[in-house]
Amino acid sequence: MNEKASRQKLLHYAVSTVGGFMGGYAIFNHCDFFGNAQTANLIHIVCKIFSADFSGLGFLLLALATYISGNVFCVIAEKFIKHDLRLISLIMTSCAVVIIGLFPNIANDYIAVLPILFVMPVQWNAYRTAAGYVSATIFSTNNLRIAVMSLTRYIVDKDKKQGEQARFYWMTLLGFHSGVALACVSSVFLGTMSVWFCFVPIALTSAAYLWLKQRQVKRFAVRYILKRA
């Protein structure tokens, strides 16, 4: 495994802790609402419509629209904003933490997690691949599926590539749930104010991002010097 792939993996593990923290924070503090994904929310929308239970339906639709807007933003950013979407994601997540931290006691749980609903799909799109692997950093289901299947294939077939793949996905799961653990422990003592602890995984991710970019900058400088020589 080359150095670039190693740094990409480290960045992926680090940003997974951000996704885990956001998911754990929302579930622990806001009525088990998982702001990182929309599967449960979509099910609740359909259930409320067909059971004629329209109380809170507007908030569910607002949550869905916010999540959709995060994905729309990614398309626009990739087309018109000439900056690395990974860096944009980190900045936006930091802003989301500040907003939530300044207004931690909003009574409506859906309104309270709107910043999370917007920035998590941005993170998903910004960090969707690493070292040739496709992996989400904001939820675990598919990562768990691939981790289990790869490990099983490695045990059965002794395929080293499957072993490497299993290691990547298990490490991603470890990173994600480390973030969840940080969110839960801090929430026990600080409640909604625990959101400020998200800057710990954000700082780790920023360091990993700078380490990856440092190598790219050095490589660009070497190529420039060789061309000028």
C-alpha atoms as a PDB file:
ATOM      1  CA  MET A   1       0.000   0.000   0.000  1.00  0.00           C
ATOM      2  CA  ASN A   2       1.477   3.357  -1.038  1.00  0.00           C
ATOM      3  CA  GLU A   3       1.744   6.437   1.138  1.00  0.00           C
ATOM      4  CA  LYS A   4      -1.064   8.317  -0.624  1.00  0.00           C
ATOM      5  CA  ALA A   5      -3.529   5.493  -0.031  1.00  0.00           C
ATOM      6  CA  SER A   6      -2.488   5.301   3.629  1.00  0.00           C
ATOM      7  CA  ARG A   7      -3.119   9.015   4.101  1.00  0.00           C
ATOM      8  CA  GLN A   8      -6.470   8.802   2.319  1.00  0.00           C
ATOM      9  CA  LYS A   9      -7.522   5.978   4.611  1.00  0.00           C
ATOM     10  CA  LEU A  10      -6.461   7.887   7.706  1.00  0.00           C
ATOM     11  CA  LEU A  11      -8.493  10.891   6.561  1.00  0.00           C
ATOM     12  CA  HIS A  12     -11.486   8.632   5.951  1.00  0.00           C
ATOM     13  CA  TYR A  13     -11.271   7.106   9.418  1.00  0.00           C
ATOM     14  CA  ALA A  14     -10.938  10.556  10.984  1.00  0.00           C
ATOM     15  CA  VAL A  15     -13.918  12.096   9.186  1.00  0.00           C
ATOM     16  CA  SER A  16     -15.979   9.028  10.084  1.00  0.00           C
ATOM     17  CA  THR A  17     -15.657  10.117  13.725  1.00  0.00           C
ATOM     18  CA  VAL A  18     -17.344  13.387  12.747  1.00  0.00           C
ATOM     19  CA  GLY A  19     -20.232  11.495  11.176  1.00  0.00           C
ATOM     20  CA  GLY A  20     -20.478   9.260  14.216  1.00  0.00           C
ATOM     21  CA  PHE A  21     -20.505  12.207  16.606  1.00  0.00           C
ATOM     22  CA  MET A  22     -23.254  13.997  14.688  1.00  0.00           C
ATOM     23  CA  GLY A  23     -25.352  10.841  14.535  1.00  0.00           C
ATOM     24  CA  GLY A  24     -24.868  10.025  18.207  1.00  0.00           C
ATOM     25  CA  TYR A  25     -25.512  13.614  19.288  1.00  0.00           C
ATOM     26  CA  ALA A  26     -28.815  13.824  17.397  1.00  0.00           C
ATOM     27  CA  ILE A  27     -30.078  10.447  18.616  1.00  0.00           C
ATOM     28  CA  PHE A  28     -29.059  11.001  22.247  1.00  0.00           C
ATOM     29  CA  ASN A  29     -30.379  14.552  22.565  1.00  0.00           C
ATOM     30  CA  HIS A  30     -33.260  14.743  20.105  1.00  0.00           C
ATOM     31  CA  CYS A  31     -35.708  11.876  20.553  1.00  0.00           C
ATOM     32  CA  ASP A  32     -33.755   9.194  18.675  1.00  0.00           C
ATOM     33  CA  PHE A  33     -33.875  11.221  15.456  1.00  0.00           C
ATOM     34  CA  PHE A  34     -30.988  10.130  13.214  1.00  0.00           C
ATOM     35  CA  GLY A  35     -30.087  13.236  11.256  1.00  0.00           C
ATOM     36  CA  ASN A  36     -27.403  11.576   9.116  1.00  0.00           C
ATOM     37  CA  ALA A  37     -29.836   9.626   6.914  1.00  0.00           C
ATOM     38  CA  GLN A  38     -33.445   9.750   5.769  1.00  0.00           C
ATOM     39  CA  THR A  39     -34.610   6.121   5.617  1.00  0.00           C
ATOM     40  CA  ALA A  40     -36.518   6.242   8.908  1.00  0.00           C
ATOM     41  CA  ASN A  41     -37.785   9.744   8.168  1.00  0.00           C
ATOM     42  CA  LEU A  42     -39.196   8.670   4.804  1.00  0.00           C
ATOM     43  CA  ILE A  43     -40.915   5.701   6.449  1.00  0.00           C
ATOM     44  CA  HIS A  44     -42.436   8.008   9.076  1.00  0.00           C
ATOM     45  CA  ILE A  45     -43.702  10.331   6.335  1.00  0.00           C
ATOM     46  CA  VAL A  46     -45.475   7.508   4.508  1.00  0.00           C
ATOM     47  CA  CYS A  47     -46.861   6.065   7.766  1.00  0.00           C
ATOM     48  CA  LYS A  48     -48.263   9.426   8.843  1.00  0.00           C
ATOM     49  CA  ILE A  49     -49.893  10.001   5.459  1.00  0.00           C
ATOM     50  CA  PHE A  50     -51.597   6.624   5.258  1.00  0.00           C
ATOM     51  CA  SER A  51     -52.604   6.601   8.922  1.00  0.00           C
ATOM     52  CA  ALA A  52     -54.048  10.124   8.568  1.00  0.00           C
ATOM     53  CA  ASP A  53     -51.767  11.272  11.375  1.00  0.00           C
ATOM     54  CA  PHE A  54     -50.716  14.653  10.076  1.00  0.00           C
ATOM     55  CA  SER A  55     -49.308  15.997  13.337  1.00  0.00           C
ATOM     56  CA  GLY A  56     -45.672  16.827  12.799  1.00  0.00           C
ATOM     57  CA  LEU A  57     -45.771  15.903   9.105  1.00  0.00           C
ATOM     58  CA  GLY A  58     -44.612  19.375   8.158  1.00  0.00           C
ATOM     59  CA  PHE A  59     -41.484  18.999  10.264  1.00  0.00           C
ATOM     60  CA  LEU A  60     -40.738  15.627   8.675  1.00  0.00           C
ATOM     61  CA  LEU A  61     -41.063  17.191   5.228  1.00  0.00           C
ATOM     62  CA  LEU A  62     -38.854  20.094   6.296  1.00  0.00           C
ATOM     63  CA  ALA A  63     -36.205  17.621   7.456  1.00  0.00           C
ATOM     64  CA  LEU A  64     -36.410  15.826   4.106  1.00  0.00           C
ATOM     65  CA  ALA A  65     -36.167  19.081   2.157  1.00  0.00           C
ATOM     66  CA  THR A  66     -33.117  20.139   4.178  1.00  0.00           C
ATOM     67  CA  TYR A  67     -31.353  16.833   3.519  1.00  0.00           C
ATOM     68  CA  ILE A  68     -32.171  17.102  -0.194  1.00  0.00           C
ATOM     69  CA  SER A  69     -30.801  20.658  -0.191  1.00  0.00           C
ATOM     70  CA  GLY A  70     -27.468  19.368   1.124  1.00  0.00           C
ATOM     71  CA  ASN A  71     -27.179  17.040  -1.866  1.00  0.00           C
ATOM     72  CA  VAL A  72     -28.227  19.791  -4.281  1.00  0.00           C
ATOM     73  CA  PHE A  73     -25.532  22.018  -2.795  1.00  0.00           C
ATOM     74  CA  CYS A  74     -22.897  19.377  -3.538  1.00  0.00           C
ATOM     75  CA  VAL A  75     -23.799  19.318  -7.231  1.00  0.00           C
ATOM     76  CA  ILE A  76     -23.682  23.119  -7.415  1.00  0.00           C
ATOM     77  CA  ALA A  77     -20.422  23.276  -5.442  1.00  0.00           C
ATOM     78  CA  GLU A  78     -18.712  20.709  -7.679  1.00  0.00           C
ATOM     79  CA  LYS A  79     -19.755  22.630 -10.778  1.00  0.00           C
ATOM     80  CA  PHE A  80     -19.278  26.270  -9.757  1.00  0.00           C
ATOM     81  CA  ILE A  81     -17.065  26.421  -6.655  1.00  0.00           C
ATOM     82  CA  LYS A  82     -13.487  25.666  -7.586  1.00  0.00           C
ATOM     83  CA  HIS A  83     -12.395  24.403  -4.197  1.00  0.00           C
ATOM     84  CA  ASP A  84     -11.977  20.972  -2.653  1.00  0.00           C
ATOM     85  CA  LEU A  85     -15.401  19.781  -1.466  1.00  0.00           C
ATOM     86  CA  ARG A  86     -13.696  18.002   1.443  1.00  0.00           C
ATOM     87  CA  LEU A  87     -12.465  21.325   2.810  1.00  0.00           C
ATOM     88  CA  ILE A  88     -15.848  22.944   2.189  1.00  0.00           C
ATOM     89  CA  SER A  89     -17.491  20.104   4.110  1.00  0.00           C
ATOM     90  CA  LEU A  90     -15.227  20.631   7.123  1.00  0.00           C
ATOM     91  CA  ILE A  91     -15.934  24.362   7.152  1.00  0.00           C
ATOM     92  CA  MET A  92     -19.682  23.826   6.842  1.00  0.00           C
ATOM     93  CA  THR A  93     -19.700  21.194   9.588  1.00  0.00           C
ATOM     94  CA  SER A  94     -17.825  23.596  11.865  1.00  0.00           C
ATOM     95  CA  CYS A  95     -20.425  26.273  11.138  1.00  0.00           C
ATOM     96  CA  ALA A  96     -23.217  23.781  11.892  1.00  0.00           C
ATOM     97  CA  VAL A  97     -21.637  22.985  15.262  1.00  0.00           C
ATOM     98  CA  VAL A  98     -21.430  26.698  16.103  1.00  0.00           C
ATOM     99  CA  ILE A  99     -25.075  27.263  15.140  1.00  0.00           C
ATOM    100  CA  ILE A 100     -26.270  24.297  17.212  1.00  0.00           C
ATOM    101  CA  GLY A 101     -24.016  25.347  20.099  1.00  0.00           C
ATOM    102  CA  LEU A 102     -25.414  28.876  20.121  1.00  0.00           C
ATOM    103  CA  PHE A 103     -29.017  27.634  20.062  1.00  0.00           C
ATOM    104  CA  PRO A 104     -28.846  24.324  21.957  1.00  0.00           C
ATOM    105  CA  ASN A 105     -32.268  24.352  23.613  1.00  0.00           C
ATOM    106  CA  ILE A 106     -34.650  24.586  20.665  1.00  0.00           C
ATOM    107  CA  ALA A 107     -37.734  22.678  21.778  1.00  0.00           C
ATOM    108  CA  ASN A 108     -38.583  21.115  18.430  1.00  0.00           C
ATOM    109  CA  ASP A 109     -36.163  18.261  17.768  1.00  0.00           C
ATOM    110  CA  TYR A 110     -36.508  18.473  13.983  1.00  0.00           C
ATOM    111  CA  ILE A 111     -35.666  22.168  13.933  1.00  0.00           C
ATOM    112  CA  ALA A 112     -32.755  21.586  16.313  1.00  0.00           C
ATOM    113  CA  VAL A 113     -31.017  19.133  13.981  1.00  0.00           C
ATOM    114  CA  LEU A 114     -31.585  20.999  10.698  1.00  0.00           C
ATOM    115  CA  PRO A 115     -27.887  22.015  10.483  1.00  0.00           C
ATOM    116  CA  ILE A 116     -26.928  18.337  10.814  1.00  0.00           C
ATOM    117  CA  LEU A 117     -29.436  17.379   8.137  1.00  0.00           C
ATOM    118  CA  PHE A 118     -27.788  19.804   5.729  1.00  0.00           C
ATOM    119  CA  VAL A 119     -24.082  19.160   6.352  1.00  0.00           C
ATOM    120  CA  MET A 120     -24.096  15.377   6.656  1.00  0.00           C
ATOM    121  CA  PRO A 121     -25.006  14.693   2.994  1.00  0.00           C
ATOM    122  CA  VAL A 122     -22.293  17.206   2.071  1.00  0.00           C
ATOM    123  CA  GLN A 123     -19.799  15.139   4.072  1.00  0.00           C
ATOM    124  CA  TRP A 124     -21.105  11.929   2.506  1.00  0.00           C
ATOM    125  CA  ASN A 125     -20.505  13.251  -1.005  1.00  0.00           C
ATOM    126  CA  ALA A 126     -17.183  14.888  -0.168  1.00  0.00           C
ATOM    127  CA  TYR A 127     -15.689  11.788   1.442  1.00  0.00           C
ATOM    128  CA  ARG A 128     -17.409   9.011  -0.479  1.00  0.00           C
ATOM    129  CA  THR A 129     -14.178   7.297  -1.613  1.00  0.00           C
ATOM    130  CA  ALA A 130     -10.756   6.578  -0.140  1.00  0.00           C
ATOM    131  CA  ALA A 131      -7.884   4.499  -1.535  1.00  0.00           C
ATOM    132  CA  GLY A 132     -10.187   2.990  -4.166  1.00  0.00           C
ATOM    133  CA  TYR A 133     -12.932   2.017  -1.704  1.00  0.00           C
ATOM    134  CA  VAL A 134     -16.449   3.454  -1.716  1.00  0.00           C
ATOM    135  CA  SER A 135     -17.620   4.012   1.836  1.00  0.00           C
ATOM    136  CA  ALA A 136     -20.025   6.313   3.675  1.00  0.00           C
ATOM    137  CA  THR A 137     -18.683   8.225   6.667  1.00  0.00           C
ATOM    138  CA  ILE A 138     -22.103   9.183   8.081  1.00  0.00           C
ATOM    139  CA  PHE A 139     -23.798   5.808   8.647  1.00  0.00           C
ATOM    140  CA  SER A 140     -22.817   2.184   9.063  1.00  0.00           C
ATOM    141  CA  THR A 141     -25.143  -0.296   7.347  1.00  0.00           C
ATOM    142  CA  ASN A 142     -23.331  -0.787   4.058  1.00  0.00           C
ATOM    143  CA  ASN A 143     -19.931  -0.531   5.740  1.00  0.00           C
ATOM    144  CA  LEU A 144     -20.957  -3.338   8.089  1.00  0.00           C
ATOM    145  CA  ARG A 145     -22.207  -5.465   5.203  1.00  0.00           C
ATOM    146  CA  ILE A 146     -18.956  -5.155   3.264  1.00  0.00           C
ATOM    147  CA  ALA A 147     -16.814  -5.566   6.384  1.00  0.00           C
ATOM    148  CA  VAL A 148     -18.508  -8.845   7.301  1.00  0.00           C
ATOM    149  CA  MET A 149     -18.514 -10.239   3.748  1.00  0.00           C
ATOM    150  CA  SER A 150     -14.879  -9.273   3.119  1.00  0.00           C
ATOM    151  CA  LEU A 151     -13.729 -10.808   6.383  1.00  0.00           C
ATOM    152  CA  THR A 152     -15.659 -13.995   5.648  1.00  0.00           C
ATOM    153  CA  ARG A 153     -14.137 -14.248   2.164  1.00  0.00           C
ATOM    154  CA  TYR A 154     -10.688 -13.678   3.636  1.00  0.00           C
ATOM    155  CA  ILE A 155     -11.193 -16.481   6.155  1.00  0.00           C
ATOM    156  CA  VAL A 156     -12.599 -18.865   3.536  1.00  0.00           C
ATOM    157  CA  ASP A 157     -10.402 -18.042   0.536  1.00  0.00           C
ATOM    158  CA  LYS A 158      -7.280 -16.551   2.196  1.00  0.00           C
ATOM    159  CA  ASP A 159      -7.549 -13.657  -0.271  1.00  0.00           C
ATOM    160  CA  LYS A 160      -5.245 -10.849   0.915  1.00  0.00           C
ATOM    161  CA  LYS A 161      -7.184  -8.203  -1.002  1.00  0.00           C
ATOM    162  CA  GLN A 162     -10.335  -9.203   0.831  1.00  0.00           C
ATOM    163  CA  GLY A 163      -8.386  -8.991   4.071  1.00  0.00           C
ATOM    164  CA  GLU A 164      -7.243  -5.446   3.266  1.00  0.00           C
ATOM    165  CA  GLN A 165     -10.775  -4.474   2.309  1.00  0.00           C
ATOM    166  CA  ALA A 166     -12.156  -5.941   5.533  1.00  0.00           C
ATOM    167  CA  ARG A 167      -9.579  -3.998   7.550  1.00  0.00           C
ATOM    168  CA  PHE A 168     -10.561  -0.731   5.833  1.00  0.00           C
ATOM    169  CA  TYR A 169     -14.286  -1.135   6.512  1.00  0.00           C
ATOM    170  CA  TRP A 170     -13.821  -2.349  10.089  1.00  0.00           C
ATOM    171  CA  MET A 171     -11.565   0.631  10.784  1.00  0.00           C
ATOM    172  CA  THR A 172     -14.192   2.946   9.277  1.00  0.00           C
ATOM    173  CA  LEU A 173     -16.787   1.409  11.597  1.00  0.00           C
ATOM    174  CA  LEU A 174     -14.410   1.854  14.532  1.00  0.00           C
ATOM    175  CA  GLY A 175     -13.885   5.508  13.638  1.00  0.00           C
ATOM    176  CA  PHE A 176     -17.618   6.128  13.276  1.00  0.00           C
ATOM    177  CA  HIS A 177     -18.531   4.537  16.581  1.00  0.00           C
ATOM    178  CA  SER A 178     -15.663   6.267  18.367  1.00  0.00           C
ATOM    179  CA  GLY A 179     -17.415   9.484  17.385  1.00  0.00           C
ATOM    180  CA  VAL A 180     -20.722   8.073  18.636  1.00  0.00           C
ATOM    181  CA  ALA A 181     -19.098   7.178  21.970  1.00  0.00           C
ATOM    182  CA  LEU A 182     -17.685  10.704  22.352  1.00  0.00           C
ATOM    183  CA  ALA A 183     -21.117  12.194  21.638  1.00  0.00           C
ATOM    184  CA  CYS A 184     -22.881   9.916  24.111  1.00  0.00           C
ATOM    185  CA  VAL A 185     -20.391  10.352  26.967  1.00  0.00           C
ATOM    186  CA  SER A 186     -20.285  14.141  26.590  1.00  0.00           C
ATOM    187  CA  SER A 187     -24.085  14.287  26.279  1.00  0.00           C
ATOM    188  CA  VAL A 188     -24.520  12.423  29.568  1.00  0.00           C
ATOM    189  CA  PHE A 189     -22.757  15.259  31.394  1.00  0.00           C
ATOM    190  CA  LEU A 190     -23.518  18.292  29.224  1.00  0.00           C
ATOM    191  CA  GLY A 191     -26.710  17.495  27.318  1.00  0.00           C
ATOM    192  CA  THR A 192     -27.163  19.543  24.160  1.00  0.00           C
ATOM    193  CA  MET A 193     -24.115  21.670  24.995  1.00  0.00           C
ATOM    194  CA  SER A 194     -21.982  18.592  24.261  1.00  0.00           C
ATOM    195  CA  VAL A 195     -22.114  19.541  20.576  1.00  0.00           C
ATOM    196  CA  TRP A 196     -18.973  21.640  21.115  1.00  0.00           C
ATOM    197  CA  PHE A 197     -17.014  18.415  21.602  1.00  0.00           C
ATOM    198  CA  CYS A 198     -17.526  17.773  17.875  1.00  0.00           C
ATOM    199  CA  PHE A 199     -14.565  20.068  17.333  1.00  0.00           C
ATOM    200  CA  VAL A 200     -12.348  17.243  18.620  1.00  0.00           C
ATOM    201  CA  PRO A 201     -13.038  14.942  15.616  1.00  0.00           C
ATOM    202  CA  ILE A 202     -13.166  17.996  13.338  1.00  0.00           C
ATOM    203  CA  ALA A 203      -9.654  18.930  14.487  1.00  0.00           C
ATOM    204  CA  LEU A 204      -8.412  15.376  13.913  1.00  0.00           C
ATOM    205  CA  THR A 205      -9.949  15.375  10.432  1.00  0.00           C
ATOM    206  CA  SER A 206      -8.414  18.758   9.634  1.00  0.00           C
ATOM    207  CA  ALA A 207      -4.996  17.470  10.647  1.00  0.00           C
ATOM    208  CA  ALA A 208      -5.415  14.350   8.483  1.00  0.00           C
ATOM    209  CA  TYR A 209      -6.593  16.507   5.567  1.00  0.00           C
ATOM    210  CA  LEU A 210      -3.580  18.818   5.859  1.00  0.00           C
ATOM    211  CA  TRP A 211      -1.256  15.798   6.032  1.00  0.00           C
ATOM    212  CA  LEU A 212      -2.767  14.459   2.803  1.00  0.00           C
ATOM    213  CA  LYS A 213      -2.571  17.836   1.060  1.00  0.00           C
ATOM    214  CA  GLN A 214       1.009  18.343   2.249  1.00  0.00           C
ATOM    215  CA  ARG A 215       2.121  15.380   0.177  1.00  0.00           C
ATOM    216  CA  GLN A 216       0.223  16.666  -2.858  1.00  0.00           C
ATOM    217  CA  VAL A 217       1.754  20.137  -2.505  1.00  0.00           C
ATOM    218  CA  LYS A 218       5.256  18.673  -2.266  1.00  0.00           C
ATOM    219  CA  ARG A 219       4.653  16.517  -5.333  1.00  0.00           C
ATOM    220  CA  PHE A 220       3.398  19.534  -7.286  1.00  0.00           C
ATOM    221  CA  ALA A 221       6.448  21.570  -6.222  1.00  0.00           C
ATOM    222  CA  VAL A 222       8.830  18.819  -7.376  1.00  0.00           C
ATOM    223  CA  ARG A 223       7.107  18.617 -10.761  1.00  0.00           C
ATOM    224  CA  TYR A 224       7.257  22.412 -11.114  1.00  0.00           C
ATOM    225  CA  ILE A 225      10.964  22.501 -10.275  1.00  0.00           C
ATOM    226  CA  LEU A 226      11.707  19.682 -12.748  1.00  0.00           C
ATOM    227  CA  LYS A 227       9.839  21.514 -15.504  1.00  0.00           C
ATOM    228  CA  ARG A 228      11.722  24.726 -14.804  1.00  0.00           C
ATOM    229  CA  ALA A 229      15.085  22.946 -14.740  1.00  0.00           C
END
